[in-house]
Amino acid sequence: MGVKKITICHKRNDCIGCGSCVLLSPHCFVMNRDDGKADLVDGVWKGKEFVVAKADEERFLESKHAADACPMGIIRV
């Protein structure tokens, strides 16, 4: 049975930099020192609004907790 891939989507421009995603999902999110917003690790811009990245099942729960805790609701797993 193969490894299932999960897509994480982050609407980065709407990030307020609270850091909850970094606290709950340090393997998927890091704070950007230049603008104080969260960056999705290994993320690729899709259009002008969204950054997406693939995650394995091991990081699913971590990124799901980050999405649930985001006060702006800008993370989707």
N, C-alpha and C. Protein backbone atom coordinates (compact mmCIF):
# COMPACT_ATOMS: atom_id res chain seq x y z
N MET A 1 0.85 -1.18 0.00
CA MET A 1 0.00 0.00 0.00
C MET A 1 0.89 1.24 0.00
N GLY A 2 0.62 2.17 -0.90
CA GLY A 2 1.45 3.36 -1.04
C GLY A 2 1.17 4.40 0.02
N VAL A 3 2.07 5.38 0.08
CA VAL A 3 1.94 6.46 1.04
C VAL A 3 0.96 7.49 0.48
N LYS A 4 -0.04 7.82 1.24
CA LYS A 4 -1.04 8.80 0.81
C LYS A 4 -0.46 10.21 0.98
N LYS A 5 -0.65 11.05 -0.03
CA LYS A 5 -0.18 12.43 0.04
C LYS A 5 -1.35 13.36 0.33
N ILE A 6 -1.09 14.30 1.19
CA ILE A 6 -2.09 15.29 1.60
C ILE A 6 -1.63 16.64 1.11
N THR A 7 -2.55 17.47 0.67
CA THR A 7 -2.21 18.82 0.23
C THR A 7 -2.60 19.82 1.31
N ILE A 8 -1.67 20.69 1.64
CA ILE A 8 -1.92 21.78 2.58
C ILE A 8 -1.99 23.05 1.74
N CYS A 9 -3.01 23.86 1.99
CA CYS A 9 -3.21 25.11 1.26
C CYS A 9 -3.24 26.26 2.28
N HIS A 10 -2.45 27.29 2.01
CA HIS A 10 -2.31 28.42 2.93
C HIS A 10 -2.55 29.72 2.16
N LYS A 11 -3.51 30.50 2.59
CA LYS A 11 -3.79 31.80 1.96
C LYS A 11 -2.91 32.84 2.67
N ARG A 12 -1.62 32.82 2.31
CA ARG A 12 -0.59 33.52 3.04
C ARG A 12 -0.83 35.03 3.17
N ASN A 13 -1.32 35.68 2.16
CA ASN A 13 -1.49 37.13 2.20
C ASN A 13 -2.43 37.58 3.31
N ASP A 14 -3.32 36.69 3.75
CA ASP A 14 -4.27 37.02 4.81
C ASP A 14 -3.77 36.66 6.21
N CYS A 15 -2.54 36.13 6.29
CA CYS A 15 -1.96 35.74 7.57
C CYS A 15 -1.75 36.97 8.45
N ILE A 16 -2.08 36.84 9.75
CA ILE A 16 -1.87 37.95 10.70
C ILE A 16 -0.65 37.72 11.57
N GLY A 17 0.04 36.59 11.37
CA GLY A 17 1.28 36.33 12.09
C GLY A 17 1.12 35.95 13.55
N CYS A 18 0.00 35.33 13.91
CA CYS A 18 -0.22 34.98 15.32
C CYS A 18 0.70 33.85 15.79
N GLY A 19 1.15 33.00 14.86
CA GLY A 19 2.08 31.94 15.19
C GLY A 19 1.48 30.63 15.66
N SER A 20 0.16 30.53 15.70
CA SER A 20 -0.45 29.28 16.18
C SER A 20 -0.09 28.10 15.28
N CYS A 21 -0.01 28.32 13.98
CA CYS A 21 0.32 27.23 13.06
C CYS A 21 1.75 26.75 13.28
N VAL A 22 2.66 27.67 13.55
CA VAL A 22 4.06 27.31 13.79
C VAL A 22 4.18 26.54 15.10
N LEU A 23 3.45 26.94 16.11
CA LEU A 23 3.48 26.26 17.40
C LEU A 23 2.95 24.83 17.29
N LEU A 24 1.85 24.66 16.57
CA LEU A 24 1.20 23.36 16.47
C LEU A 24 1.73 22.47 15.35
N SER A 25 2.37 23.09 14.36
CA SER A 25 2.85 22.34 13.20
C SER A 25 4.21 22.85 12.75
N PRO A 26 5.24 22.69 13.59
CA PRO A 26 6.56 23.23 13.26
C PRO A 26 7.24 22.55 12.07
N HIS A 27 6.77 21.38 11.66
CA HIS A 27 7.34 20.73 10.49
C HIS A 27 6.72 21.27 9.20
N CYS A 28 5.60 21.97 9.30
CA CYS A 28 4.90 22.47 8.12
C CYS A 28 4.93 23.99 7.99
N PHE A 29 5.09 24.70 9.12
CA PHE A 29 5.05 26.17 9.08
C PHE A 29 6.23 26.77 9.84
N VAL A 30 6.75 27.88 9.31
CA VAL A 30 7.80 28.66 9.98
C VAL A 30 7.43 30.14 9.85
N MET A 31 7.87 30.92 10.83
CA MET A 31 7.61 32.36 10.76
C MET A 31 8.64 33.03 9.84
N ASN A 32 8.17 33.93 9.01
CA ASN A 32 9.04 34.69 8.12
C ASN A 32 9.57 35.89 8.88
N ARG A 33 10.87 36.02 8.97
CA ARG A 33 11.49 37.12 9.73
C ARG A 33 11.32 38.47 9.05
N ASP A 34 11.07 38.48 7.77
CA ASP A 34 10.95 39.75 7.05
C ASP A 34 9.60 40.43 7.26
N ASP A 35 8.51 39.66 7.21
CA ASP A 35 7.20 40.29 7.33
C ASP A 35 6.35 39.77 8.49
N GLY A 36 6.88 38.80 9.26
CA GLY A 36 6.16 38.31 10.44
C GLY A 36 4.98 37.41 10.15
N LYS A 37 4.85 36.95 8.91
CA LYS A 37 3.77 36.03 8.55
C LYS A 37 4.31 34.61 8.50
N ALA A 38 3.42 33.65 8.54
CA ALA A 38 3.83 32.25 8.48
C ALA A 38 4.09 31.84 7.04
N ASP A 39 5.12 31.02 6.87
CA ASP A 39 5.43 30.43 5.56
C ASP A 39 5.19 28.93 5.64
N LEU A 40 4.62 28.39 4.59
CA LEU A 40 4.39 26.95 4.48
C LEU A 40 5.68 26.32 3.97
N VAL A 41 6.24 25.41 4.75
CA VAL A 41 7.50 24.76 4.37
C VAL A 41 7.33 24.02 3.05
N ASP A 42 8.25 24.23 2.13
CA ASP A 42 8.24 23.63 0.79
C ASP A 42 7.00 24.05 -0.01
N GLY A 43 6.40 25.16 0.36
CA GLY A 43 5.22 25.64 -0.34
C GLY A 43 5.54 26.28 -1.67
N VAL A 44 4.60 26.17 -2.60
CA VAL A 44 4.71 26.74 -3.94
C VAL A 44 3.49 27.62 -4.17
N TRP A 45 3.72 28.83 -4.65
CA TRP A 45 2.61 29.74 -4.94
C TRP A 45 1.76 29.19 -6.08
N LYS A 46 0.46 29.21 -5.88
CA LYS A 46 -0.53 28.87 -6.90
C LYS A 46 -1.37 30.12 -7.11
N GLY A 47 -1.07 30.85 -8.14
CA GLY A 47 -1.74 32.12 -8.36
C GLY A 47 -1.17 33.16 -7.42
N LYS A 48 -1.96 34.17 -7.11
CA LYS A 48 -1.50 35.28 -6.28
C LYS A 48 -1.92 35.15 -4.82
N GLU A 49 -2.79 34.19 -4.50
CA GLU A 49 -3.33 34.11 -3.14
C GLU A 49 -2.88 32.91 -2.34
N PHE A 50 -2.66 31.77 -2.98
CA PHE A 50 -2.47 30.54 -2.25
C PHE A 50 -1.08 29.94 -2.39
N VAL A 51 -0.59 29.38 -1.28
CA VAL A 51 0.64 28.60 -1.27
C VAL A 51 0.23 27.18 -0.92
N VAL A 52 0.71 26.21 -1.69
CA VAL A 52 0.35 24.81 -1.44
C VAL A 52 1.61 23.97 -1.28
N ALA A 53 1.46 22.88 -0.53
CA ALA A 53 2.55 21.93 -0.32
C ALA A 53 1.95 20.56 -0.08
N LYS A 54 2.71 19.55 -0.42
CA LYS A 54 2.32 18.17 -0.14
C LYS A 54 2.86 17.76 1.22
N ALA A 55 2.11 16.95 1.92
CA ALA A 55 2.54 16.43 3.23
C ALA A 55 2.18 14.96 3.28
N ASP A 56 2.98 14.18 3.99
CA ASP A 56 2.66 12.77 4.14
C ASP A 56 1.69 12.60 5.31
N GLU A 57 1.25 11.37 5.51
CA GLU A 57 0.27 11.09 6.56
C GLU A 57 0.79 11.44 7.95
N GLU A 58 2.10 11.33 8.15
CA GLU A 58 2.69 11.63 9.45
C GLU A 58 2.45 13.09 9.85
N ARG A 59 2.42 13.96 8.87
CA ARG A 59 2.23 15.39 9.16
C ARG A 59 0.78 15.83 9.04
N PHE A 60 -0.09 14.90 8.69
CA PHE A 60 -1.50 15.25 8.52
C PHE A 60 -2.11 15.83 9.79
N LEU A 61 -1.98 15.11 10.91
CA LEU A 61 -2.60 15.58 12.16
C LEU A 61 -2.00 16.91 12.60
N GLU A 62 -0.70 17.04 12.47
CA GLU A 62 -0.03 18.28 12.85
C GLU A 62 -0.59 19.47 12.05
N SER A 63 -0.69 19.30 10.74
CA SER A 63 -1.19 20.39 9.91
C SER A 63 -2.69 20.61 10.11
N LYS A 64 -3.42 19.55 10.43
CA LYS A 64 -4.86 19.67 10.70
C LYS A 64 -5.08 20.49 11.98
N HIS A 65 -4.26 20.26 13.00
CA HIS A 65 -4.36 21.04 14.23
C HIS A 65 -4.07 22.52 13.95
N ALA A 66 -3.09 22.78 13.10
CA ALA A 66 -2.77 24.15 12.73
C ALA A 66 -3.95 24.81 12.02
N ALA A 67 -4.56 24.08 11.12
CA ALA A 67 -5.72 24.62 10.39
C ALA A 67 -6.87 24.92 11.35
N ASP A 68 -7.12 24.02 12.27
CA ASP A 68 -8.20 24.21 13.24
C ASP A 68 -7.96 25.40 14.16
N ALA A 69 -6.68 25.67 14.46
CA ALA A 69 -6.35 26.75 15.40
C ALA A 69 -6.20 28.12 14.74
N CYS A 70 -6.08 28.17 13.44
CA CYS A 70 -5.85 29.43 12.74
C CYS A 70 -7.04 30.37 12.93
N PRO A 71 -6.84 31.54 13.56
CA PRO A 71 -7.96 32.44 13.80
C PRO A 71 -8.51 33.07 12.52
N MET A 72 -7.73 33.06 11.46
CA MET A 72 -8.19 33.63 10.19
C MET A 72 -8.84 32.58 9.29
N GLY A 73 -8.69 31.30 9.61
CA GLY A 73 -9.28 30.24 8.80
C GLY A 73 -8.67 30.16 7.41
N ILE A 74 -7.37 30.40 7.30
CA ILE A 74 -6.72 30.47 5.99
C ILE A 74 -5.87 29.25 5.66
N ILE A 75 -5.96 28.20 6.48
CA ILE A 75 -5.23 26.97 6.22
C ILE A 75 -6.24 25.87 5.96
N ARG A 76 -6.03 25.13 4.87
CA ARG A 76 -6.89 24.00 4.53
C ARG A 76 -6.00 22.78 4.34
N VAL A 77 -6.46 21.64 4.82
CA VAL A 77 -5.72 20.39 4.68
C VAL A 77 -6.58 19.40 3.93
